[in-house]
Amino acid sequence: MITLLKRIFIKENMTADEKRTAYGSICGIAGVILNILLFLGKIVAGFLSGSISIIADAMNNLSDSGSSIVTLCGFKLAASKPDPEHPFGHGRIEYVAGFVVSLLILIMSFELMKDSILRIIHPETVEFSWLVIGILFITILVKIYMACYNNSIGGLIDSPALKAVVIDSISDCVSTTVVIAVTIIQHMTGFVYLDGIAGFAVALFIASAGIQAARDTLNPLLGNAPDEEFVENIMEIMEHVDPRISGVHDLIVHDYGPGRRIVSLHAEVPVDGDILELHDAIDNAEKVLEEKLHCMATIHMDPIVTNDPRVNQLKDEMKGYLSEISDSLSMHDFRVVPGATHTNLVFDILMPFDMEYTENEITDILQKKINEGREKHFYCVIHYDVDFTRKTVKK
């Protein structure tokens, strides 16, 4: 089915955004068709056997077809062009679609819990049939197929909505497997409460999958830290794009939906360099970032002293003291401002959110270390920046 849909929707002359939308449409259409077929198969099996867990599993597939419609609509709306009210496009609608899918998963798990509790309170005998077992086994194979193609395409286009569908498909495989096992065990033992107990266990598993899917789609909407690999790619490019760029800091990644990232950063350049040549180097770095990472890049140029031995020595000392405190700390924009009574060391420190030391504690430590064994007094003037790209402190 997926191969056929690819031939219909994917064209060689499409842009990257058009292909992304087309792939989303393929997964959405296939999901609607297959989930409706699964619902029909399971509902027949449920009525034949009288099993509440099978009927609930069938209703879960019906909700999945609704989720596929939501996914399909999400991709279509996310592909809408920017407008005055949404100048960065509508890409985040895809995250919203993924969140709606997760809510549908949670609603279905609640309904399954409720029906399962009623079946535990009022147990009924489940009719055993190998035809029913066969139908359920086929539905597992179909769900495995759906998980595979959604995972493949979701990874190809980096779609959180499709990744949420993968989680849902895997949970369906597990729940249906449990239903098959329970049906066989109940037939062999005659324990009538097993159907309701199994239904409740399946509901808990589905709820867990829904919560995970909701977390994965809500985080980008709230503004989570960028992928470490994406940050590493930025740093790797900036390190080799031009020898006159000696350092990078204040990196911020704004995510307006898959394929719609805006990158801003500061690049350190020699203070005595030709301003026009350095500006051209920064422009070139922006173009390289945009071409290789498919993002919009803005770079602020920070001139720093690079050829003064005294400044470089003090800078290296301060870096060493910072590393003694924590590997998570970094320094940039280092300047030396001499005065009649003391010399100011002016610089910025980048620190993560969960740093164990406070700003005042770090300042006191550096102030003490830089003045040890020196007659002339140094005073540290430090501005602390938040590291927006790091999720945890390095240990």
Protein backbone atom coordinates (compact mmCIF):
# COMPACT_ATOMS: atom_id res chain seq x y z
CA MET A 1 0.00 0.00 0.00
CA ILE A 2 2.73 2.48 0.98
CA THR A 3 4.62 1.82 -2.26
CA LEU A 4 1.47 2.51 -4.27
CA LEU A 5 0.75 5.72 -2.36
CA LYS A 6 4.35 6.88 -2.87
CA ARG A 7 3.93 6.51 -6.62
CA ILE A 8 0.77 8.61 -6.46
CA PHE A 9 1.92 11.38 -4.11
CA ILE A 10 5.73 11.66 -4.42
CA LYS A 11 7.04 13.44 -7.53
CA GLU A 12 10.68 13.97 -8.45
CA ASN A 13 10.26 17.72 -9.03
CA MET A 14 8.84 18.35 -5.54
CA THR A 15 10.60 20.63 -3.05
CA ALA A 16 11.70 19.27 0.34
CA ASP A 17 8.66 20.84 2.07
CA GLU A 18 6.29 19.45 -0.55
CA LYS A 19 7.75 15.96 -0.16
CA ARG A 20 7.40 16.24 3.60
CA THR A 21 3.71 17.09 3.28
CA ALA A 22 3.22 14.29 0.75
CA TYR A 23 4.83 11.73 3.06
CA GLY A 24 2.57 12.89 5.88
CA SER A 25 -0.46 12.49 3.62
CA ILE A 26 0.65 8.96 2.70
CA CYS A 27 0.90 7.91 6.34
CA GLY A 28 -2.40 9.57 7.19
CA ILE A 29 -4.36 7.95 4.36
CA ALA A 30 -2.82 4.51 4.99
CA GLY A 31 -3.56 4.89 8.70
CA VAL A 32 -7.23 5.69 8.13
CA ILE A 33 -7.75 2.75 5.76
CA LEU A 34 -5.86 0.14 7.80
CA ASN A 35 -7.31 1.17 11.17
CA ILE A 36 -10.87 1.01 9.85
CA LEU A 37 -10.16 -2.50 8.53
CA LEU A 38 -8.68 -3.48 11.89
CA PHE A 39 -11.70 -2.06 13.70
CA LEU A 40 -14.10 -4.08 11.53
CA GLY A 41 -12.10 -7.27 12.04
CA LYS A 42 -11.84 -6.88 15.81
CA ILE A 43 -15.43 -5.79 16.34
CA VAL A 44 -16.58 -8.96 14.56
CA ALA A 45 -14.22 -11.01 16.74
CA GLY A 46 -15.47 -9.21 19.84
CA PHE A 47 -19.15 -9.90 19.15
CA LEU A 48 -18.42 -13.51 18.24
CA SER A 49 -16.61 -14.09 21.53
CA GLY A 50 -18.42 -11.63 23.79
CA SER A 51 -15.04 -10.40 25.10
CA ILE A 52 -14.93 -6.86 26.51
CA SER A 53 -11.18 -6.70 26.02
CA ILE A 54 -11.49 -7.50 22.29
CA ILE A 55 -14.32 -4.98 21.80
CA ALA A 56 -12.30 -2.34 23.65
CA ASP A 57 -9.30 -3.16 21.49
CA ALA A 58 -11.51 -2.67 18.42
CA MET A 59 -12.67 0.73 19.66
CA ASN A 60 -9.02 1.62 20.16
CA ASN A 61 -8.44 1.03 16.43
CA LEU A 62 -11.45 3.20 15.61
CA SER A 63 -9.88 6.02 17.61
CA ASP A 64 -6.63 5.37 15.76
CA SER A 65 -8.37 6.03 12.46
CA GLY A 66 -9.45 9.37 13.91
CA SER A 67 -5.84 9.97 14.96
CA SER A 68 -4.72 9.31 11.38
CA ILE A 69 -7.22 11.90 10.13
CA VAL A 70 -5.82 14.38 12.65
CA THR A 71 -2.27 13.58 11.48
CA LEU A 72 -3.30 14.05 7.85
CA CYS A 73 -4.93 17.42 8.60
CA GLY A 74 -1.92 18.44 10.70
CA PHE A 75 0.50 17.94 7.82
CA LYS A 76 -1.77 19.81 5.42
CA LEU A 77 -2.14 22.79 7.77
CA ALA A 78 1.56 22.79 8.71
CA ALA A 79 2.43 23.19 5.03
CA SER A 80 0.47 26.46 4.81
CA LYS A 81 2.59 29.41 3.72
CA PRO A 82 3.61 32.13 6.22
CA ASP A 83 1.26 35.06 6.57
CA PRO A 84 1.34 38.42 8.42
CA GLU A 85 -0.05 36.84 11.59
CA HIS A 86 2.31 33.83 11.41
CA PRO A 87 5.51 35.08 9.75
CA PHE A 88 7.43 31.91 10.66
CA GLY A 89 4.88 29.60 9.07
CA HIS A 90 2.51 27.06 10.59
CA GLY A 91 4.93 24.20 11.25
CA ARG A 92 4.03 23.87 14.92
CA ILE A 93 0.56 22.67 13.94
CA GLU A 94 2.24 19.32 13.39
CA TYR A 95 3.18 19.25 17.08
CA VAL A 96 -0.41 20.12 17.94
CA ALA A 97 -1.61 17.24 15.76
CA GLY A 98 0.72 14.86 17.58
CA PHE A 99 -0.62 16.12 20.91
CA VAL A 100 -4.22 15.57 19.78
CA VAL A 101 -3.27 11.99 18.83
CA SER A 102 -1.87 11.46 22.33
CA LEU A 103 -5.08 12.85 23.89
CA LEU A 104 -7.15 10.40 21.84
CA ILE A 105 -4.93 7.60 23.12
CA LEU A 106 -5.52 8.73 26.72
CA ILE A 107 -9.30 9.04 26.24
CA MET A 108 -9.48 5.55 24.81
CA SER A 109 -7.43 4.15 27.69
CA PHE A 110 -9.84 5.75 30.17
CA GLU A 111 -12.85 4.24 28.43
CA LEU A 112 -11.13 0.86 28.39
CA MET A 113 -10.41 1.13 32.13
CA LYS A 114 -14.03 1.94 32.86
CA ASP A 115 -15.39 -0.96 30.79
CA SER A 116 -12.83 -3.35 32.26
CA ILE A 117 -13.79 -2.44 35.83
CA LEU A 118 -17.43 -3.10 35.00
CA ARG A 119 -16.47 -6.50 33.53
CA ILE A 120 -14.52 -7.33 36.73
CA ILE A 121 -17.55 -6.42 38.84
CA HIS A 122 -19.93 -8.29 36.52
CA PRO A 123 -17.89 -11.07 34.85
CA GLU A 124 -19.20 -12.90 31.80
CA THR A 125 -18.09 -16.06 30.05
CA VAL A 126 -16.07 -15.46 26.90
CA GLU A 127 -16.72 -17.73 23.92
CA PHE A 128 -13.51 -19.26 22.59
CA SER A 129 -12.92 -19.55 18.84
CA TRP A 130 -9.78 -20.16 16.80
CA LEU A 131 -11.30 -17.89 14.15
CA VAL A 132 -11.24 -15.06 16.68
CA ILE A 133 -7.61 -15.85 17.57
CA GLY A 134 -6.71 -15.84 13.88
CA ILE A 135 -8.35 -12.45 13.32
CA LEU A 136 -6.49 -10.95 16.27
CA PHE A 137 -3.18 -12.41 15.10
CA ILE A 138 -3.63 -10.84 11.66
CA THR A 139 -4.34 -7.46 13.27
CA ILE A 140 -1.02 -7.70 15.13
CA LEU A 141 0.83 -8.25 11.85
CA VAL A 142 -0.94 -5.24 10.32
CA LYS A 143 -0.01 -3.04 13.30
CA ILE A 144 3.62 -4.16 13.08
CA TYR A 145 3.58 -3.14 9.42
CA MET A 146 2.08 0.24 10.35
CA ALA A 147 4.69 0.81 13.08
CA CYS A 148 7.49 0.01 10.61
CA TYR A 149 6.42 2.37 7.83
CA ASN A 150 5.52 5.18 10.24
CA ASN A 151 8.88 4.79 11.98
CA SER A 152 10.72 4.79 8.65
CA ILE A 153 8.95 7.84 7.24
CA GLY A 154 8.82 9.59 10.63
CA GLY A 155 12.61 9.28 10.89
CA LEU A 156 13.06 10.37 7.27
CA ILE A 157 11.13 13.63 7.74
CA ASP A 158 11.76 13.99 11.50
CA SER A 159 8.06 14.08 12.39
CA PRO A 160 6.94 14.00 16.06
CA ALA A 161 3.36 13.32 14.92
CA LEU A 162 4.37 10.13 13.10
CA LYS A 163 6.59 9.10 16.02
CA ALA A 164 3.51 9.38 18.26
CA VAL A 165 1.67 7.07 15.82
CA VAL A 166 4.55 4.57 16.08
CA ILE A 167 4.18 4.48 19.87
CA ASP A 168 0.44 3.97 19.48
CA SER A 169 0.95 1.10 16.99
CA ILE A 170 3.40 -0.67 19.29
CA SER A 171 1.01 -0.31 22.23
CA ASP A 172 -1.74 -1.82 20.07
CA CYS A 173 0.47 -4.82 19.27
CA VAL A 174 1.14 -5.39 22.95
CA SER A 175 -2.49 -4.95 23.97
CA THR A 176 -3.77 -7.33 21.28
CA THR A 177 -1.13 -9.91 22.23
CA VAL A 178 -2.32 -9.71 25.83
CA VAL A 179 -5.92 -10.13 24.66
CA ILE A 180 -5.00 -13.27 22.71
CA ALA A 181 -3.13 -14.74 25.68
CA VAL A 182 -5.98 -13.95 28.05
CA THR A 183 -8.57 -15.48 25.70
CA ILE A 184 -6.62 -18.74 25.51
CA ILE A 185 -5.85 -18.86 29.26
CA GLN A 186 -9.44 -18.08 30.21
CA HIS A 187 -10.66 -20.84 27.90
CA MET A 188 -8.27 -23.32 29.52
CA THR A 189 -8.83 -22.29 33.16
CA GLY A 190 -12.43 -21.01 33.17
CA PHE A 191 -11.39 -17.99 35.26
CA VAL A 192 -14.10 -15.48 34.23
CA TYR A 193 -12.48 -12.45 35.90
CA LEU A 194 -9.40 -12.65 33.67
CA ASP A 195 -11.00 -10.78 30.75
CA GLY A 196 -11.71 -7.67 32.83
CA ILE A 197 -8.34 -7.79 34.59
CA ALA A 198 -6.52 -8.08 31.27
CA GLY A 199 -8.55 -5.23 29.80
CA PHE A 200 -7.57 -2.98 32.71
CA ALA A 201 -3.88 -3.91 32.33
CA VAL A 202 -4.03 -3.12 28.62
CA ALA A 203 -5.66 0.22 29.42
CA LEU A 204 -2.80 1.11 31.77
CA PHE A 205 -0.26 0.27 29.08
CA ILE A 206 -2.11 2.38 26.49
CA ALA A 207 -2.33 5.29 28.97
CA SER A 208 1.43 5.11 29.55
CA ALA A 209 2.03 5.26 25.79
CA GLY A 210 -0.34 8.24 25.52
CA ILE A 211 1.46 10.15 28.27
CA GLN A 212 4.83 9.56 26.59
CA ALA A 213 3.46 10.69 23.23
CA ALA A 214 1.97 13.83 24.84
CA ARG A 215 5.31 14.66 26.45
CA ASP A 216 7.17 14.25 23.15
CA THR A 217 4.82 16.63 21.34
CA LEU A 218 4.32 19.17 24.14
CA ASN A 219 8.04 19.77 24.75
CA PRO A 220 8.66 21.43 21.35
CA LEU A 221 5.60 23.64 21.89
CA LEU A 222 6.89 24.73 25.29
CA GLY A 223 10.37 25.34 23.88
CA ASN A 224 12.75 22.51 24.77
CA ALA A 225 16.51 22.45 24.27
CA PRO A 226 17.62 21.59 20.71
CA ASP A 227 18.94 18.18 19.75
CA GLU A 228 22.54 17.69 20.84
CA GLU A 229 23.44 16.43 17.37
CA PHE A 230 22.06 19.62 15.78
CA VAL A 231 24.09 21.78 18.19
CA GLU A 232 27.23 19.74 17.53
CA ASN A 233 26.74 20.20 13.78
CA ILE A 234 26.53 23.97 14.26
CA MET A 235 29.71 24.04 16.35
CA GLU A 236 31.52 21.79 13.86
CA ILE A 237 30.61 24.06 10.94
CA MET A 238 31.59 27.25 12.78
CA GLU A 239 34.91 25.74 13.84
CA HIS A 240 36.00 25.08 10.25
CA VAL A 241 34.11 27.64 8.15
CA ASP A 242 36.70 30.42 8.54
CA PRO A 243 40.01 30.60 10.52
CA ARG A 244 39.25 34.18 11.59
CA ILE A 245 36.31 32.94 13.70
CA SER A 246 37.98 31.93 16.95
CA GLY A 247 34.97 31.14 19.13
CA VAL A 248 31.19 30.79 19.26
CA HIS A 249 28.82 31.56 22.12
CA ASP A 250 25.26 32.64 22.96
CA LEU A 251 23.81 30.01 20.65
CA ILE A 252 20.01 29.95 20.54
CA VAL A 253 17.86 27.64 18.40
CA HIS A 254 14.24 28.63 17.81
CA ASP A 255 12.00 25.79 16.62
CA TYR A 256 8.91 26.78 14.63
CA GLY A 257 8.16 23.25 13.48
CA PRO A 258 10.10 20.49 11.72
CA GLY A 259 12.35 22.02 9.07
CA ARG A 260 11.69 25.55 10.38
CA ARG A 261 14.57 26.32 12.73
CA ILE A 262 16.09 29.75 13.31
CA VAL A 263 19.64 29.84 14.67
CA SER A 264 21.26 32.87 16.28
CA LEU A 265 24.78 33.00 17.75
CA HIS A 266 27.77 35.24 18.48
CA ALA A 267 31.08 34.65 16.69
CA GLU A 268 34.39 36.00 18.02
CA VAL A 269 36.68 37.66 15.46
CA PRO A 270 40.00 39.58 15.76
CA VAL A 271 39.54 43.17 16.90
CA ASP A 272 42.28 44.37 14.53
CA GLY A 273 40.85 42.65 11.43
CA ASP A 274 39.42 44.40 8.40
CA ILE A 275 35.77 45.03 9.24
CA LEU A 276 34.53 44.48 5.66
CA GLU A 277 36.42 41.22 5.27
CA LEU A 278 35.19 39.97 8.66
CA HIS A 279 31.62 40.92 7.77
CA ASP A 280 31.94 38.93 4.55
CA ALA A 281 33.25 35.95 6.56
CA ILE A 282 30.21 36.13 8.86
CA ASP A 283 27.85 36.32 5.87
CA ASN A 284 29.52 33.25 4.40
CA ALA A 285 29.17 31.36 7.71
CA GLU A 286 25.44 32.15 7.76
CA LYS A 287 25.05 30.78 4.23
CA VAL A 288 26.91 27.57 5.08
CA LEU A 289 24.71 26.98 8.14
CA GLU A 290 21.55 27.57 6.12
CA GLU A 291 22.64 25.27 3.27
CA LYS A 292 23.90 22.38 5.40
CA LEU A 293 21.38 22.45 8.24
CA HIS A 294 18.33 23.83 6.37
CA CYS A 295 17.78 26.61 8.90
CA MET A 296 17.72 30.40 9.02
CA ALA A 297 20.93 31.72 10.61
CA THR A 298 21.83 35.09 12.16
CA ILE A 299 25.36 35.68 13.49
CA HIS A 300 26.45 38.59 15.67
CA MET A 301 30.10 39.56 15.29
CA ASP A 302 32.09 39.99 18.53
CA PRO A 303 35.56 41.59 18.14
CA ILE A 304 38.12 40.34 20.67
CA VAL A 305 41.84 40.85 21.31
CA THR A 306 43.77 37.86 19.98
CA ASN A 307 47.39 39.05 19.66
CA ASP A 308 48.15 40.50 23.12
CA PRO A 309 50.27 38.00 25.15
CA ARG A 310 49.23 39.47 28.51
CA VAL A 311 45.53 39.32 27.69
CA ASN A 312 45.86 35.78 26.33
CA GLN A 313 47.73 34.66 29.46
CA LEU A 314 45.05 36.04 31.79
CA LYS A 315 42.34 34.52 29.60
CA ASP A 316 43.99 31.08 29.70
CA GLU A 317 44.36 31.31 33.48
CA MET A 318 40.71 32.15 33.90
CA LYS A 319 39.68 29.25 31.64
CA GLY A 320 41.75 26.92 33.81
CA TYR A 321 40.09 28.15 36.99
CA LEU A 322 36.65 27.69 35.41
CA SER A 323 37.42 24.09 34.43
CA GLU A 324 38.44 23.39 38.04
CA ILE A 325 34.98 24.49 39.17
CA SER A 326 33.03 22.60 36.49
CA ASP A 327 33.43 21.35 32.93
CA SER A 328 29.98 22.82 32.23
CA LEU A 329 31.24 26.41 32.51
CA SER A 330 32.65 28.32 29.55
CA MET A 331 33.87 31.87 29.05
CA HIS A 332 33.68 34.38 26.21
CA ASP A 333 34.11 38.11 25.40
CA PHE A 334 37.21 38.39 27.62
CA ARG A 335 38.59 41.92 27.99
CA VAL A 336 41.25 43.53 30.19
CA VAL A 337 40.57 47.10 31.33
CA PRO A 338 43.53 48.60 33.27
CA GLY A 339 43.03 51.26 35.94
CA ALA A 340 45.04 53.31 38.45
CA THR A 341 44.26 51.13 41.48
CA HIS A 342 43.18 47.84 39.90
CA THR A 343 42.57 46.07 36.62
CA ASN A 344 39.12 44.88 35.58
CA LEU A 345 38.78 41.51 33.92
CA VAL A 346 35.50 41.78 32.03
CA PHE A 347 33.95 38.65 30.55
CA ASP A 348 30.83 36.51 30.25
CA ILE A 349 30.32 33.03 31.69
CA LEU A 350 27.92 30.52 30.15
CA MET A 351 26.33 28.24 32.72
CA PRO A 352 23.56 25.60 32.60
CA PHE A 353 20.30 25.91 34.51
CA ASP A 354 21.10 23.19 37.05
CA MET A 355 24.57 24.39 38.03
CA GLU A 356 25.42 23.45 41.63
CA TYR A 357 27.22 26.76 42.31
CA THR A 358 25.53 30.16 42.44
CA GLU A 359 26.78 33.12 40.42
CA ASN A 360 28.16 34.83 43.54
CA GLU A 361 30.01 31.67 44.59
CA ILE A 362 31.65 31.31 41.17
CA THR A 363 32.64 34.99 41.16
CA ASP A 364 34.20 34.73 44.64
CA ILE A 365 36.19 31.62 43.66
CA LEU A 366 37.55 33.21 40.48
CA GLN A 367 38.30 36.49 42.27
CA LYS A 368 40.36 34.69 44.88
CA LYS A 369 42.26 32.46 42.45
CA ILE A 370 43.23 35.18 39.96
CA ASN A 371 44.73 37.34 42.74
CA GLU A 372 46.74 34.61 44.46
CA GLY A 373 50.46 35.55 44.44
CA ARG A 374 49.94 38.85 42.64
CA GLU A 375 50.73 42.32 43.93
CA LYS A 376 48.44 44.14 41.52
CA HIS A 377 44.77 43.58 42.25
CA PHE A 378 42.39 42.18 39.63
CA TYR A 379 38.66 42.65 39.84
CA CYS A 380 36.31 40.27 37.97
CA VAL A 381 33.38 41.91 36.23
CA ILE A 382 31.27 38.94 35.11
CA HIS A 383 27.99 38.70 33.23
CA TYR A 384 26.32 35.30 33.49
CA ASP A 385 24.51 33.85 30.47
CA VAL A 386 22.19 30.84 30.40
CA ASP A 387 23.15 27.91 28.20
CA PHE A 388 20.01 27.37 26.10
CA THR A 389 21.44 24.33 24.30
CA ARG A 390 22.48 22.07 27.16
CA LYS A 391 19.88 19.92 28.94
CA THR A 392 22.00 18.62 31.83
CA VAL A 393 25.20 19.38 33.66
CA LYS A 394 28.24 17.35 32.56
CA LYS A 395 29.51 15.17 35.37
